[in-house]
PDB file of all heavy atoms in Angstrom:
ATOM      1  N   THR A   1      -4.016  -6.331 -18.067  1.00  0.00           N
ATOM      2  CA  THR A   1      -3.120  -6.793 -19.094  1.00  0.00           C
ATOM      3  C   THR A   1      -3.993  -7.570 -20.111  1.00  0.00           C
ATOM      4  O   THR A   1      -5.135  -7.869 -19.910  1.00  0.00           O
ATOM      5  CB  THR A   1      -2.073  -7.763 -18.559  1.00  0.00           C
ATOM      6  OG1 THR A   1      -2.679  -8.918 -18.085  1.00  0.00           O
ATOM      7  CG2 THR A   1      -1.243  -7.101 -17.418  1.00  0.00           C
ATOM      8  N   ALA A   2      -3.358  -7.899 -21.249  1.00  0.00           N
ATOM      9  CA  ALA A   2      -4.087  -8.600 -22.343  1.00  0.00           C
ATOM     10  C   ALA A   2      -4.628  -9.954 -21.853  1.00  0.00           C
ATOM     11  O   ALA A   2      -5.662 -10.383 -22.347  1.00  0.00           O
ATOM     12  CB  ALA A   2      -3.134  -8.774 -23.548  1.00  0.00           C
ATOM     13  N   SER A   3      -3.950 -10.555 -20.935  1.00  0.00           N
ATOM     14  CA  SER A   3      -4.376 -11.870 -20.389  1.00  0.00           C
ATOM     15  C   SER A   3      -5.575 -11.685 -19.347  1.00  0.00           C
ATOM     16  O   SER A   3      -6.127 -12.698 -18.931  1.00  0.00           O
ATOM     17  CB  SER A   3      -3.274 -12.581 -19.700  1.00  0.00           C
ATOM     18  OG  SER A   3      -2.931 -12.018 -18.488  1.00  0.00           O
ATOM     19  N   GLY A   4      -5.822 -10.474 -18.944  1.00  0.00           N
ATOM     20  CA  GLY A   4      -6.868 -10.256 -17.926  1.00  0.00           C
ATOM     21  C   GLY A   4      -6.337 -10.025 -16.559  1.00  0.00           C
ATOM     22  O   GLY A   4      -7.140  -9.743 -15.619  1.00  0.00           O
ATOM     23  N   LEU A   5      -5.032 -10.132 -16.297  1.00  0.00           N
ATOM     24  CA  LEU A   5      -4.488  -9.859 -14.972  1.00  0.00           C
ATOM     25  C   LEU A   5      -4.680  -8.391 -14.643  1.00  0.00           C
ATOM     26  O   LEU A   5      -4.379  -7.519 -15.429  1.00  0.00           O
ATOM     27  CB  LEU A   5      -2.987 -10.230 -14.950  1.00  0.00           C
ATOM     28  CG  LEU A   5      -2.261  -9.883 -13.640  1.00  0.00           C
ATOM     29  CD1 LEU A   5      -2.774 -10.704 -12.467  1.00  0.00           C
ATOM     30  CD2 LEU A   5      -0.770 -10.076 -13.817  1.00  0.00           C
ATOM     31  N   GLU A   6      -5.236  -8.106 -13.507  1.00  0.00           N
ATOM     32  CA  GLU A   6      -5.407  -6.732 -13.068  1.00  0.00           C
ATOM     33  C   GLU A   6      -4.232  -6.376 -12.154  1.00  0.00           C
ATOM     34  O   GLU A   6      -3.875  -7.113 -11.263  1.00  0.00           O
ATOM     35  CB  GLU A   6      -6.743  -6.523 -12.334  1.00  0.00           C
ATOM     36  CG  GLU A   6      -7.887  -6.702 -13.351  1.00  0.00           C
ATOM     37  CD  GLU A   6      -9.224  -6.102 -12.904  1.00  0.00           C
ATOM     38  OE1 GLU A   6      -9.255  -5.450 -11.799  1.00  0.00           O
ATOM     39  OE2 GLU A   6     -10.153  -6.192 -13.629  1.00  0.00           O
ATOM     40  N   VAL A   7      -3.724  -5.162 -12.374  1.00  0.00           N
ATOM     41  CA  VAL A   7      -2.704  -4.621 -11.601  1.00  0.00           C
ATOM     42  C   VAL A   7      -3.133  -3.242 -10.992  1.00  0.00           C
ATOM     43  O   VAL A   7      -3.492  -2.386 -11.800  1.00  0.00           O
ATOM     44  CB  VAL A   7      -1.416  -4.371 -12.422  1.00  0.00           C
ATOM     45  CG1 VAL A   7      -0.306  -3.767 -11.635  1.00  0.00           C
ATOM     46  CG2 VAL A   7      -1.016  -5.706 -13.125  1.00  0.00           C
ATOM     47  N   GLU A   8      -3.172  -3.178  -9.725  1.00  0.00           N
ATOM     48  CA  GLU A   8      -3.633  -1.906  -9.082  1.00  0.00           C
ATOM     49  C   GLU A   8      -2.359  -1.241  -8.467  1.00  0.00           C
ATOM     50  O   GLU A   8      -1.716  -1.823  -7.623  1.00  0.00           O
ATOM     51  CB  GLU A   8      -4.632  -2.168  -7.942  1.00  0.00           C
ATOM     52  CG  GLU A   8      -5.031  -0.874  -7.238  1.00  0.00           C
ATOM     53  CD  GLU A   8      -5.942  -1.178  -6.061  1.00  0.00           C
ATOM     54  OE1 GLU A   8      -6.778  -2.045  -6.147  1.00  0.00           O
ATOM     55  OE2 GLU A   8      -5.722  -0.534  -5.055  1.00  0.00           O
ATOM     56  N   LEU A   9      -2.173  -0.009  -8.934  1.00  0.00           N
ATOM     57  CA  LEU A   9      -1.127   0.784  -8.360  1.00  0.00           C
ATOM     58  C   LEU A   9      -1.722   1.886  -7.538  1.00  0.00           C
ATOM     59  O   LEU A   9      -2.422   2.784  -8.105  1.00  0.00           O
ATOM     60  CB  LEU A   9      -0.215   1.387  -9.438  1.00  0.00           C
ATOM     61  CG  LEU A   9       0.628   0.328 -10.097  1.00  0.00           C
ATOM     62  CD1 LEU A   9       0.683   0.488 -11.630  1.00  0.00           C
ATOM     63  CD2 LEU A   9       2.063   0.440  -9.583  1.00  0.00           C
ATOM     64  N   ALA A  10      -1.572   1.812  -6.268  1.00  0.00           N
ATOM     65  CA  ALA A  10      -2.110   2.915  -5.375  1.00  0.00           C
ATOM     66  C   ALA A  10      -1.044   3.914  -5.264  1.00  0.00           C
ATOM     67  O   ALA A  10       0.000   3.722  -4.547  1.00  0.00           O
ATOM     68  CB  ALA A  10      -2.541   2.360  -4.019  1.00  0.00           C
ATOM     69  N   VAL A  11      -1.186   5.103  -5.835  1.00  0.00           N
ATOM     70  CA  VAL A  11      -0.184   6.178  -5.873  1.00  0.00           C
ATOM     71  C   VAL A  11      -0.423   7.072  -4.715  1.00  0.00           C
ATOM     72  O   VAL A  11      -1.543   7.579  -4.488  1.00  0.00           O
ATOM     73  CB  VAL A  11      -0.239   6.913  -7.229  1.00  0.00           C
ATOM     74  CG1 VAL A  11       0.785   8.085  -7.249  1.00  0.00           C
ATOM     75  CG2 VAL A  11      -0.035   5.948  -8.410  1.00  0.00           C
ATOM     76  N   ALA A  12       0.628   7.382  -3.968  1.00  0.00           N
ATOM     77  CA  ALA A  12       0.559   8.168  -2.780  1.00  0.00           C
ATOM     78  C   ALA A  12       1.843   8.933  -2.511  1.00  0.00           C
ATOM     79  O   ALA A  12       2.871   8.576  -3.004  1.00  0.00           O
ATOM     80  CB  ALA A  12       0.156   7.360  -1.531  1.00  0.00           C
ATOM     81  N   SER A  13       1.794   9.919  -1.729  1.00  0.00           N
ATOM     82  CA  SER A  13       2.932  10.636  -1.242  1.00  0.00           C
ATOM     83  C   SER A  13       3.583   9.857  -0.148  1.00  0.00           C
ATOM     84  O   SER A  13       2.935   8.980   0.442  1.00  0.00           O
ATOM     85  CB  SER A  13       2.555  12.063  -0.764  1.00  0.00           C
ATOM     86  OG  SER A  13       2.031  11.971   0.532  1.00  0.00           O
ATOM     87  N   PRO A  14       4.848  10.115   0.143  1.00  0.00           N
ATOM     88  CA  PRO A  14       5.510   9.423   1.287  1.00  0.00           C
ATOM     89  C   PRO A  14       4.715   9.566   2.637  1.00  0.00           C
ATOM     90  O   PRO A  14       4.925   8.765   3.500  1.00  0.00           O
ATOM     91  CB  PRO A  14       6.855  10.063   1.354  1.00  0.00           C
ATOM     92  CG  PRO A  14       7.100  10.546   0.011  1.00  0.00           C
ATOM     93  CD  PRO A  14       5.788  11.019  -0.515  1.00  0.00           C
ATOM     94  N   ASP A  15       3.904  10.594   2.795  1.00  0.00           N
ATOM     95  CA  ASP A  15       3.114  10.755   4.021  1.00  0.00           C
ATOM     96  C   ASP A  15       2.191   9.541   4.319  1.00  0.00           C
ATOM     97  O   ASP A  15       1.915   9.351   5.471  1.00  0.00           O
ATOM     98  CB  ASP A  15       2.203  12.017   3.916  1.00  0.00           C
ATOM     99  CG  ASP A  15       3.027  13.331   4.028  1.00  0.00           C
ATOM    100  OD1 ASP A  15       4.209  13.247   4.447  1.00  0.00           O
ATOM    101  OD2 ASP A  15       2.491  14.326   3.671  1.00  0.00           O
ATOM    102  N   TRP A  16       1.878   8.824   3.278  1.00  0.00           N
ATOM    103  CA  TRP A  16       1.032   7.630   3.506  1.00  0.00           C
ATOM    104  C   TRP A  16       1.747   6.622   4.477  1.00  0.00           C
ATOM    105  O   TRP A  16       1.088   5.961   5.222  1.00  0.00           O
ATOM    106  CB  TRP A  16       0.767   6.899   2.204  1.00  0.00           C
ATOM    107  CG  TRP A  16      -0.098   5.706   2.282  1.00  0.00           C
ATOM    108  CD1 TRP A  16      -1.460   5.669   2.308  1.00  0.00           C
ATOM    109  CD2 TRP A  16       0.359   4.334   2.387  1.00  0.00           C
ATOM    110  NE1 TRP A  16      -1.900   4.339   2.437  1.00  0.00           N
ATOM    111  CE2 TRP A  16      -0.796   3.494   2.506  1.00  0.00           C
ATOM    112  CE3 TRP A  16       1.608   3.700   2.470  1.00  0.00           C
ATOM    113  CZ2 TRP A  16      -0.705   2.159   2.686  1.00  0.00           C
ATOM    114  CZ3 TRP A  16       1.715   2.350   2.564  1.00  0.00           C
ATOM    115  CH2 TRP A  16       0.534   1.557   2.673  1.00  0.00           C
ATOM    116  N   ALA A  17       3.028   6.617   4.431  1.00  0.00           N
ATOM    117  CA  ALA A  17       3.871   5.670   5.292  1.00  0.00           C
ATOM    118  C   ALA A  17       4.249   6.266   6.631  1.00  0.00           C
ATOM    119  O   ALA A  17       5.027   5.607   7.339  1.00  0.00           O
ATOM    120  CB  ALA A  17       5.053   5.222   4.500  1.00  0.00           C
ATOM    121  N   ARG A  18       3.761   7.470   6.932  1.00  0.00           N
ATOM    122  CA  ARG A  18       4.139   8.054   8.196  1.00  0.00           C
ATOM    123  C   ARG A  18       3.743   7.204   9.359  1.00  0.00           C
ATOM    124  O   ARG A  18       2.612   6.679   9.377  1.00  0.00           O
ATOM    125  CB  ARG A  18       3.459   9.440   8.269  1.00  0.00           C
ATOM    126  CG  ARG A  18       4.038  10.396   9.261  1.00  0.00           C
ATOM    127  CD  ARG A  18       3.438  11.797   9.178  1.00  0.00           C
ATOM    128  NE  ARG A  18       2.069  11.640   9.430  1.00  0.00           N
ATOM    129  CZ  ARG A  18       1.068  12.307   8.703  1.00  0.00           C
ATOM    130  NH1 ARG A  18       1.442  12.990   7.646  1.00  0.00           N
ATOM    131  NH2 ARG A  18      -0.201  12.159   8.954  1.00  0.00           N
ATOM    132  N   THR A  19       4.564   7.103  10.365  1.00  0.00           N
ATOM    133  CA  THR A  19       4.255   6.271  11.485  1.00  0.00           C
ATOM    134  C   THR A  19       3.953   7.044  12.774  1.00  0.00           C
ATOM    135  O   THR A  19       3.632   6.405  13.784  1.00  0.00           O
ATOM    136  CB  THR A  19       5.487   5.281  11.798  1.00  0.00           C
ATOM    137  OG1 THR A  19       6.663   6.107  12.048  1.00  0.00           O
ATOM    138  CG2 THR A  19       5.745   4.383  10.641  1.00  0.00           C
ATOM    139  N   ASP A  20       4.055   8.364  12.724  1.00  0.00           N
ATOM    140  CA  ASP A  20       3.767   9.106  13.908  1.00  0.00           C
ATOM    141  C   ASP A  20       2.893  10.311  13.561  1.00  0.00           C
ATOM    142  O   ASP A  20       3.428  11.368  13.209  1.00  0.00           O
ATOM    143  CB  ASP A  20       5.030   9.625  14.617  1.00  0.00           C
ATOM    144  CG  ASP A  20       4.765  10.275  15.936  1.00  0.00           C
ATOM    145  OD1 ASP A  20       3.724  10.000  16.588  1.00  0.00           O
ATOM    146  OD2 ASP A  20       5.675  11.073  16.330  1.00  0.00           O
ATOM    147  N   PRO A  21       1.599  10.163  13.587  1.00  0.00           N
ATOM    148  CA  PRO A  21       0.857   8.987  14.012  1.00  0.00           C
ATOM    149  C   PRO A  21       0.638   8.016  12.822  1.00  0.00           C
ATOM    150  O   PRO A  21       0.699   8.445  11.649  1.00  0.00           O
ATOM    151  CB  PRO A  21      -0.484   9.530  14.431  1.00  0.00           C
ATOM    152  CG  PRO A  21      -0.688  10.725  13.449  1.00  0.00           C
ATOM    153  CD  PRO A  21       0.690  11.323  13.349  1.00  0.00           C
ATOM    154  N   LEU A  22       0.426   6.752  13.092  1.00  0.00           N
ATOM    155  CA  LEU A  22       0.167   5.739  12.146  1.00  0.00           C
ATOM    156  C   LEU A  22      -1.339   5.724  11.734  1.00  0.00           C
ATOM    157  O   LEU A  22      -2.221   5.568  12.614  1.00  0.00           O
ATOM    158  CB  LEU A  22       0.609   4.378  12.618  1.00  0.00           C
ATOM    159  CG  LEU A  22       0.423   3.175  11.700  1.00  0.00           C
ATOM    160  CD1 LEU A  22       1.198   3.408  10.406  1.00  0.00           C
ATOM    161  CD2 LEU A  22       0.935   1.922  12.344  1.00  0.00           C
ATOM    162  N   ASP A  23      -1.643   5.990  10.537  1.00  0.00           N
ATOM    163  CA  ASP A  23      -3.038   5.991  10.058  1.00  0.00           C
ATOM    164  C   ASP A  23      -3.632   4.611  10.172  1.00  0.00           C
ATOM    165  O   ASP A  23      -2.997   3.622   9.773  1.00  0.00           O
ATOM    166  CB  ASP A  23      -3.047   6.422   8.572  1.00  0.00           C
ATOM    167  CG  ASP A  23      -4.510   6.483   8.038  1.00  0.00           C
ATOM    168  OD1 ASP A  23      -5.186   7.473   8.351  1.00  0.00           O
ATOM    169  OD2 ASP A  23      -4.846   5.571   7.283  1.00  0.00           O
ATOM    170  N   PRO A  24      -4.845   4.469  10.677  1.00  0.00           N
ATOM    171  CA  PRO A  24      -5.482   3.166  10.838  1.00  0.00           C
ATOM    172  C   PRO A  24      -5.681   2.433   9.430  1.00  0.00           C
ATOM    173  O   PRO A  24      -5.532   1.232   9.388  1.00  0.00           O
ATOM    174  CB  PRO A  24      -6.801   3.460  11.490  1.00  0.00           C
ATOM    175  CG  PRO A  24      -6.671   4.783  12.145  1.00  0.00           C
ATOM    176  CD  PRO A  24      -5.653   5.534  11.297  1.00  0.00           C
ATOM    177  N   GLY A  25      -5.984   3.177   8.468  1.00  0.00           N
ATOM    178  CA  GLY A  25      -6.151   2.563   7.157  1.00  0.00           C
ATOM    179  C   GLY A  25      -4.847   2.049   6.600  1.00  0.00           C
ATOM    180  O   GLY A  25      -4.802   0.939   5.998  1.00  0.00           O
ATOM    181  N   THR A  26      -3.739   2.750   6.806  1.00  0.00           N
ATOM    182  CA  THR A  26      -2.425   2.309   6.374  1.00  0.00           C
ATOM    183  C   THR A  26      -2.108   1.021   7.183  1.00  0.00           C
ATOM    184  O   THR A  26      -1.588   0.062   6.573  1.00  0.00           O
ATOM    185  CB  THR A  26      -1.419   3.372   6.606  1.00  0.00           C
ATOM    186  OG1 THR A  26      -1.799   4.549   5.824  1.00  0.00           O
ATOM    187  CG2 THR A  26      -0.014   2.934   6.246  1.00  0.00           C
ATOM    188  N   ARG A  27      -2.317   1.064   8.448  1.00  0.00           N
ATOM    189  CA  ARG A  27      -2.061  -0.137   9.267  1.00  0.00           C
ATOM    190  C   ARG A  27      -2.793  -1.355   8.720  1.00  0.00           C
ATOM    191  O   ARG A  27      -2.234  -2.435   8.645  1.00  0.00           O
ATOM    192  CB  ARG A  27      -2.455   0.130  10.756  1.00  0.00           C
ATOM    193  CG  ARG A  27      -2.161  -1.131  11.618  1.00  0.00           C
ATOM    194  CD  ARG A  27      -2.689  -0.931  13.047  1.00  0.00           C
ATOM    195  NE  ARG A  27      -2.084   0.133  13.801  1.00  0.00           N
ATOM    196  CZ  ARG A  27      -0.922   0.062  14.435  1.00  0.00           C
ATOM    197  NH1 ARG A  27      -0.288  -1.028  14.496  1.00  0.00           N
ATOM    198  NH2 ARG A  27      -0.492   1.134  15.050  1.00  0.00           N
ATOM    199  N   ARG A  28      -4.077  -1.195   8.374  1.00  0.00           N
ATOM    200  CA  ARG A  28      -4.857  -2.324   7.846  1.00  0.00           C
ATOM    201  C   ARG A  28      -4.267  -2.846   6.620  1.00  0.00           C
ATOM    202  O   ARG A  28      -4.178  -4.057   6.426  1.00  0.00           O
ATOM    203  CB  ARG A  28      -6.361  -1.846   7.592  1.00  0.00           C
ATOM    204  CG  ARG A  28      -7.279  -2.171   8.733  1.00  0.00           C
ATOM    205  CD  ARG A  28      -8.748  -1.925   8.277  1.00  0.00           C
ATOM    206  NE  ARG A  28      -9.002  -0.733   7.591  1.00  0.00           N
ATOM    207  CZ  ARG A  28      -9.164   0.456   8.213  1.00  0.00           C
ATOM    208  NH1 ARG A  28      -9.115   0.553   9.510  1.00  0.00           N
ATOM    209  NH2 ARG A  28      -9.416   1.564   7.452  1.00  0.00           N
ATOM    210  N   VAL A  29      -3.834  -1.999   5.705  1.00  0.00           N
ATOM    211  CA  VAL A  29      -3.266  -2.405   4.475  1.00  0.00           C
ATOM    212  C   VAL A  29      -1.992  -3.242   4.699  1.00  0.00           C
ATOM    213  O   VAL A  29      -1.788  -4.310   4.152  1.00  0.00           O
ATOM    214  CB  VAL A  29      -2.921  -1.266   3.536  1.00  0.00           C
ATOM    215  CG1 VAL A  29      -2.090  -1.656   2.389  1.00  0.00           C
ATOM    216  CG2 VAL A  29      -4.214  -0.559   3.061  1.00  0.00           C
ATOM    217  N   VAL A  30      -1.171  -2.726   5.634  1.00  0.00           N
ATOM    218  CA  VAL A  30       0.162  -3.379   5.877  1.00  0.00           C
ATOM    219  C   VAL A  30      -0.072  -4.739   6.625  1.00  0.00           C
ATOM    220  O   VAL A  30       0.553  -5.723   6.285  1.00  0.00           O
ATOM    221  CB  VAL A  30       1.092  -2.497   6.653  1.00  0.00           C
ATOM    222  CG1 VAL A  30       2.319  -3.194   7.093  1.00  0.00           C
ATOM    223  CG2 VAL A  30       1.447  -1.260   5.705  1.00  0.00           C
ATOM    224  N   THR A  31      -0.901  -4.739   7.640  1.00  0.00           N
ATOM    225  CA  THR A  31      -1.098  -5.966   8.423  1.00  0.00           C
ATOM    226  C   THR A  31      -1.886  -7.006   7.660  1.00  0.00           C
ATOM    227  O   THR A  31      -1.818  -8.232   8.010  1.00  0.00           O
ATOM    228  CB  THR A  31      -1.771  -5.665   9.756  1.00  0.00           C
ATOM    229  OG1 THR A  31      -3.077  -5.062   9.520  1.00  0.00           O
ATOM    230  CG2 THR A  31      -0.914  -4.806  10.643  1.00  0.00           C
ATOM    231  N   ASP A  32      -2.529  -6.666   6.603  1.00  0.00           N
ATOM    232  CA  ASP A  32      -3.255  -7.644   5.728  1.00  0.00           C
ATOM    233  C   ASP A  32      -2.331  -8.406   4.786  1.00  0.00           C
ATOM    234  O   ASP A  32      -2.695  -9.329   4.135  1.00  0.00           O
ATOM    235  CB  ASP A  32      -4.370  -6.962   4.913  1.00  0.00           C
ATOM    236  CG  ASP A  32      -5.314  -7.870   4.208  1.00  0.00           C
ATOM    237  OD1 ASP A  32      -5.615  -8.969   4.844  1.00  0.00           O
ATOM    238  OD2 ASP A  32      -5.619  -7.627   3.078  1.00  0.00           O
ATOM    239  N   GLY A  33      -1.081  -7.997   4.751  1.00  0.00           N
ATOM    240  CA  GLY A  33      -0.064  -8.652   3.933  1.00  0.00           C
ATOM    241  C   GLY A  33       0.642  -7.608   3.129  1.00  0.00           C
ATOM    242  O   GLY A  33       0.119  -6.801   2.418  1.00  0.00           O
ATOM    243  N   ALA A  34       1.992  -7.551   3.384  1.00  0.00           N
ATOM    244  CA  ALA A  34       2.884  -6.536   2.737  1.00  0.00           C
ATOM    245  C   ALA A  34       4.280  -7.079   2.572  1.00  0.00           C
ATOM    246  O   ALA A  34       4.792  -7.794   3.413  1.00  0.00           O
ATOM    247  CB  ALA A  34       2.896  -5.262   3.602  1.00  0.00           C
ATOM    248  N   CYS A  35       4.797  -6.763   1.424  1.00  0.00           N
ATOM    249  CA  CYS A  35       6.177  -7.119   1.120  1.00  0.00           C
ATOM    250  C   CYS A  35       6.888  -5.882   0.472  1.00  0.00           C
ATOM    251  O   CYS A  35       6.447  -5.418  -0.583  1.00  0.00           O
ATOM    252  CB  CYS A  35       6.182  -8.310   0.123  1.00  0.00           C
ATOM    253  SG  CYS A  35       7.816  -8.819  -0.325  1.00  0.00           S
ATOM    254  N   VAL A  36       7.933  -5.412   1.120  1.00  0.00           N
ATOM    255  CA  VAL A  36       8.664  -4.298   0.665  1.00  0.00           C
ATOM    256  C   VAL A  36       9.466  -4.724  -0.645  1.00  0.00           C
ATOM    257  O   VAL A  36      10.230  -5.666  -0.577  1.00  0.00           O
ATOM    258  CB  VAL A  36       9.642  -3.760   1.690  1.00  0.00           C
ATOM    259  CG1 VAL A  36      10.521  -2.631   1.148  1.00  0.00           C
ATOM    260  CG2 VAL A  36       8.868  -3.329   2.906  1.00  0.00           C
ATOM    261  N   LEU A  37       9.260  -3.955  -1.708  1.00  0.00           N
ATOM    262  CA  LEU A  37       9.921  -4.278  -2.986  1.00  0.00           C
ATOM    263  C   LEU A  37      11.052  -3.262  -3.295  1.00  0.00           C
ATOM    264  O   LEU A  37      12.062  -3.634  -3.944  1.00  0.00           O
ATOM    265  CB  LEU A  37       8.931  -4.322  -4.152  1.00  0.00           C
ATOM    266  CG  LEU A  37       7.804  -5.392  -4.011  1.00  0.00           C
ATOM    267  CD1 LEU A  37       6.841  -5.201  -5.115  1.00  0.00           C
ATOM    268  CD2 LEU A  37       8.399  -6.755  -3.979  1.00  0.00           C
ATOM    269  N   HIS A  38      10.783  -1.976  -3.018  1.00  0.00           N
ATOM    270  CA  HIS A  38      11.788  -0.969  -3.262  1.00  0.00           C
ATOM    271  C   HIS A  38      11.662   0.064  -2.080  1.00  0.00           C
ATOM    272  O   HIS A  38      10.576   0.595  -1.825  1.00  0.00           O
ATOM    273  CB  HIS A  38      11.411  -0.297  -4.613  1.00  0.00           C
ATOM    274  CG  HIS A  38      12.269   0.908  -4.947  1.00  0.00           C
ATOM    275  ND1 HIS A  38      13.555   0.778  -5.392  1.00  0.00           N
ATOM    276  CD2 HIS A  38      11.994   2.197  -4.912  1.00  0.00           C
ATOM    277  CE1 HIS A  38      14.031   1.905  -5.631  1.00  0.00           C
ATOM    278  NE2 HIS A  38      13.109   2.910  -5.388  1.00  0.00           N
TER     279      HIS A  38
END
């Protein structure tokens, strides 16, 4: 943004959230802090 705030949007298909099996990288992202917005 103009103020310098960086916004990262990681764009993925719904498969990224698949739980069977649960991808280790996805698990790391979620367990490091996650808040469902939509």
